[in-house]
Amino acid sequence: MAERKSSYAEFWPYYLQEHGKSNTRFLHFIGTGGAIIFFFNFLLNTHWLSLIVAVVCGYFFAWVGHFFVERNRPATFTHPVWSLISDFRMFFLWLGRGLDQELERAGVTAVDDGGEDTAQEG
């Protein structure tokens, strides 16, 4: 079980390290993007199924990334609110092209092993 972090400032680098592989981040991007689309569909059309699909979409893709790509336990289980905030923060940083700087600050560096990234603690 992951150790609980005492502040969001401490959690954010840990969150990024738990998303060290680019395929994990890509799956999060798909899931978060899908969740946003379905959530706005719910707001515009009040189709309750869209709200359910938004939640399932967001978690499904993220958890596939953690369990099958990253092979770690999602931070949602220990820090649900901070994890949700961080999912959206990572999504919008990626869109704004600021994610690489945050990954570097957190010690996540690219490794030439077939195009995957890994987290280096330091």
C-alpha atoms as a PDB file:
ATOM      1  CA  MET A   1       0.000   0.000   0.000  1.00  0.00           C
ATOM      2  CA  ALA A   2       1.309   3.451  -0.918  1.00  0.00           C
ATOM      3  CA  GLU A   3       2.287   5.763   1.889  1.00  0.00           C
ATOM      4  CA  ARG A   4      -0.151   8.631   2.445  1.00  0.00           C
ATOM      5  CA  LYS A   5       1.208  12.039   1.510  1.00  0.00           C
ATOM      6  CA  SER A   6       0.735  14.918   3.932  1.00  0.00           C
ATOM      7  CA  SER A   7       0.248  17.663   1.324  1.00  0.00           C
ATOM      8  CA  TYR A   8      -0.673  18.073  -2.309  1.00  0.00           C
ATOM      9  CA  ALA A   9       2.775  19.562  -2.984  1.00  0.00           C
ATOM     10  CA  GLU A  10       4.253  16.260  -1.795  1.00  0.00           C
ATOM     11  CA  PHE A  11       1.658  14.199  -3.676  1.00  0.00           C
ATOM     12  CA  TRP A  12       2.088  15.773  -7.139  1.00  0.00           C
ATOM     13  CA  PRO A  13       5.667  14.509  -7.816  1.00  0.00           C
ATOM     14  CA  TYR A  14       4.662  11.092  -6.468  1.00  0.00           C
ATOM     15  CA  TYR A  15       1.654  11.084  -8.816  1.00  0.00           C
ATOM     16  CA  LEU A  16       3.869  11.865 -11.807  1.00  0.00           C
ATOM     17  CA  GLN A  17       6.338   9.127 -10.827  1.00  0.00           C
ATOM     18  CA  GLU A  18       3.429   6.676 -10.730  1.00  0.00           C
ATOM     19  CA  HIS A  19       2.747   7.681 -14.361  1.00  0.00           C
ATOM     20  CA  GLY A  20       6.304   7.175 -15.574  1.00  0.00           C
ATOM     21  CA  LYS A  21       5.470   5.331 -18.796  1.00  0.00           C
ATOM     22  CA  SER A  22       4.169   7.353 -21.710  1.00  0.00           C
ATOM     23  CA  ASN A  23       1.545   4.695 -22.536  1.00  0.00           C
ATOM     24  CA  THR A  24       0.059   5.081 -19.049  1.00  0.00           C
ATOM     25  CA  ARG A  25      -0.171   8.837 -19.522  1.00  0.00           C
ATOM     26  CA  PHE A  26      -1.710   8.320 -22.987  1.00  0.00           C
ATOM     27  CA  LEU A  27      -4.414   6.054 -21.557  1.00  0.00           C
ATOM     28  CA  HIS A  28      -5.113   8.682 -18.875  1.00  0.00           C
ATOM     29  CA  PHE A  29      -5.379  11.314 -21.606  1.00  0.00           C
ATOM     30  CA  ILE A  30      -7.955   9.192 -23.490  1.00  0.00           C
ATOM     31  CA  GLY A  31      -9.930   8.469 -20.321  1.00  0.00           C
ATOM     32  CA  THR A  32      -9.927  12.034 -19.025  1.00  0.00           C
ATOM     33  CA  GLY A  33     -10.761  13.448 -22.456  1.00  0.00           C
ATOM     34  CA  GLY A  34     -13.621  10.992 -22.819  1.00  0.00           C
ATOM     35  CA  ALA A  35     -14.870  11.790 -19.322  1.00  0.00           C
ATOM     36  CA  ILE A  36     -14.930  15.504 -20.145  1.00  0.00           C
ATOM     37  CA  ILE A  37     -16.842  14.912 -23.382  1.00  0.00           C
ATOM     38  CA  PHE A  38     -19.448  12.685 -21.726  1.00  0.00           C
ATOM     39  CA  PHE A  39     -19.780  15.068 -18.766  1.00  0.00           C
ATOM     40  CA  PHE A  40     -20.511  17.990 -21.099  1.00  0.00           C
ATOM     41  CA  ASN A  41     -22.993  15.805 -22.966  1.00  0.00           C
ATOM     42  CA  PHE A  42     -24.713  15.207 -19.633  1.00  0.00           C
ATOM     43  CA  LEU A  43     -24.784  18.957 -18.881  1.00  0.00           C
ATOM     44  CA  LEU A  44     -26.164  19.816 -22.317  1.00  0.00           C
ATOM     45  CA  ASN A  45     -28.693  16.993 -22.679  1.00  0.00           C
ATOM     46  CA  THR A  46     -29.255  15.749 -19.095  1.00  0.00           C
ATOM     47  CA  HIS A  47     -28.776  12.168 -20.221  1.00  0.00           C
ATOM     48  CA  TRP A  48     -27.925  10.439 -16.950  1.00  0.00           C
ATOM     49  CA  LEU A  49     -26.247   7.599 -18.803  1.00  0.00           C
ATOM     50  CA  SER A  50     -23.650  10.110 -20.059  1.00  0.00           C
ATOM     51  CA  LEU A  51     -22.721  10.925 -16.469  1.00  0.00           C
ATOM     52  CA  ILE A  52     -22.214   7.249 -15.660  1.00  0.00           C
ATOM     53  CA  VAL A  53     -20.201   6.724 -18.856  1.00  0.00           C
ATOM     54  CA  ALA A  54     -18.051   9.767 -17.979  1.00  0.00           C
ATOM     55  CA  VAL A  55     -17.013   8.197 -14.675  1.00  0.00           C
ATOM     56  CA  VAL A  56     -16.489   4.734 -16.159  1.00  0.00           C
ATOM     57  CA  CYS A  57     -14.485   6.114 -19.094  1.00  0.00           C
ATOM     58  CA  GLY A  58     -12.199   8.148 -16.854  1.00  0.00           C
ATOM     59  CA  TYR A  59     -11.409   5.301 -14.497  1.00  0.00           C
ATOM     60  CA  PHE A  60     -11.379   2.447 -17.021  1.00  0.00           C
ATOM     61  CA  PHE A  61      -8.579   3.804 -19.200  1.00  0.00           C
ATOM     62  CA  ALA A  62      -6.562   5.036 -16.225  1.00  0.00           C
ATOM     63  CA  TRP A  63      -6.785   1.726 -14.415  1.00  0.00           C
ATOM     64  CA  VAL A  64      -5.881  -0.269 -17.525  1.00  0.00           C
ATOM     65  CA  GLY A  65      -2.754   1.888 -17.696  1.00  0.00           C
ATOM     66  CA  HIS A  66      -1.883   1.246 -14.077  1.00  0.00           C
ATOM     67  CA  PHE A  67      -2.625  -2.468 -13.923  1.00  0.00           C
ATOM     68  CA  PHE A  68      -1.318  -3.545 -17.338  1.00  0.00           C
ATOM     69  CA  VAL A  69       1.229  -0.921 -18.442  1.00  0.00           C
ATOM     70  CA  GLU A  70       2.678   0.674 -15.314  1.00  0.00           C
ATOM     71  CA  ARG A  71       1.944  -2.372 -13.127  1.00  0.00           C
ATOM     72  CA  ASN A  72       1.236  -0.328 -10.028  1.00  0.00           C
ATOM     73  CA  ARG A  73      -1.721   0.530  -7.843  1.00  0.00           C
ATOM     74  CA  PRO A  74      -3.668   3.686  -8.796  1.00  0.00           C
ATOM     75  CA  ALA A  75      -3.252   6.611  -6.397  1.00  0.00           C
ATOM     76  CA  THR A  76      -7.053   6.854  -6.357  1.00  0.00           C
ATOM     77  CA  PHE A  77      -7.112   4.197  -3.633  1.00  0.00           C
ATOM     78  CA  THR A  78      -5.064   6.256  -1.162  1.00  0.00           C
ATOM     79  CA  HIS A  79      -5.691   9.853  -2.302  1.00  0.00           C
ATOM     80  CA  PRO A  80      -8.984   9.948  -4.260  1.00  0.00           C
ATOM     81  CA  VAL A  81      -9.470  13.731  -4.398  1.00  0.00           C
ATOM     82  CA  TRP A  82      -5.819  14.626  -5.070  1.00  0.00           C
ATOM     83  CA  SER A  83      -5.673  11.893  -7.699  1.00  0.00           C
ATOM     84  CA  LEU A  84      -8.728  13.252  -9.513  1.00  0.00           C
ATOM     85  CA  ILE A  85      -7.319  16.789  -9.393  1.00  0.00           C
ATOM     86  CA  SER A  86      -3.998  15.489 -10.693  1.00  0.00           C
ATOM     87  CA  ASP A  87      -5.644  13.604 -13.561  1.00  0.00           C
ATOM     88  CA  PHE A  88      -7.098  16.875 -14.821  1.00  0.00           C
ATOM     89  CA  ARG A  89      -3.898  18.792 -14.068  1.00  0.00           C
ATOM     90  CA  MET A  90      -1.856  16.281 -16.083  1.00  0.00           C
ATOM     91  CA  PHE A  91      -4.428  16.374 -18.918  1.00  0.00           C
ATOM     92  CA  PHE A  92      -4.342  20.165 -19.236  1.00  0.00           C
ATOM     93  CA  LEU A  93      -0.569  20.348 -18.804  1.00  0.00           C
ATOM     94  CA  TRP A  94      -0.273  17.883 -21.677  1.00  0.00           C
ATOM     95  CA  LEU A  95      -2.592  19.989 -23.831  1.00  0.00           C
ATOM     96  CA  GLY A  96      -0.628  23.130 -22.965  1.00  0.00           C
ATOM     97  CA  ARG A  97       2.706  21.410 -23.555  1.00  0.00           C
ATOM     98  CA  GLY A  98       3.848  21.947 -19.977  1.00  0.00           C
ATOM     99  CA  LEU A  99       3.834  18.316 -18.865  1.00  0.00           C
ATOM    100  CA  ASP A 100       7.424  17.531 -19.891  1.00  0.00           C
ATOM    101  CA  GLN A 101       8.764  20.187 -17.507  1.00  0.00           C
ATOM    102  CA  GLU A 102       6.684  18.826 -14.633  1.00  0.00           C
ATOM    103  CA  LEU A 103       7.810  15.264 -15.364  1.00  0.00           C
ATOM    104  CA  GLU A 104      11.447  16.359 -15.388  1.00  0.00           C
ATOM    105  CA  ARG A 105      11.006  18.219 -12.079  1.00  0.00           C
ATOM    106  CA  ALA A 106       9.479  15.047 -10.579  1.00  0.00           C
ATOM    107  CA  GLY A 107      12.399  12.908 -11.761  1.00  0.00           C
ATOM    108  CA  VAL A 108      10.534  11.117 -14.558  1.00  0.00           C
ATOM    109  CA  THR A 109      12.916  10.790 -17.480  1.00  0.00           C
ATOM    110  CA  ALA A 110      12.690   9.198 -20.900  1.00  0.00           C
ATOM    111  CA  VAL A 111      14.682   6.005 -21.375  1.00  0.00           C
ATOM    112  CA  ASP A 112      15.576   4.501 -24.758  1.00  0.00           C
ATOM    113  CA  ASP A 113      13.936   1.119 -24.129  1.00  0.00           C
ATOM    114  CA  GLY A 114      11.434   0.868 -26.902  1.00  0.00           C
ATOM    115  CA  GLY A 115       9.976   4.330 -26.434  1.00  0.00           C
ATOM    116  CA  GLU A 116       8.721   3.926 -22.891  1.00  0.00           C
ATOM    117  CA  ASP A 117       9.481   6.316 -20.065  1.00  0.00           C
ATOM    118  CA  THR A 118      10.368   5.293 -16.558  1.00  0.00           C
ATOM    119  CA  ALA A 119      10.349   7.028 -13.228  1.00  0.00           C
ATOM    120  CA  GLN A 120      13.635   7.578 -11.520  1.00  0.00           C
ATOM    121  CA  GLU A 121      13.523   8.475  -7.876  1.00  0.00           C
ATOM    122  CA  GLY A 122      16.138  10.767  -6.595  1.00  0.00           C
END
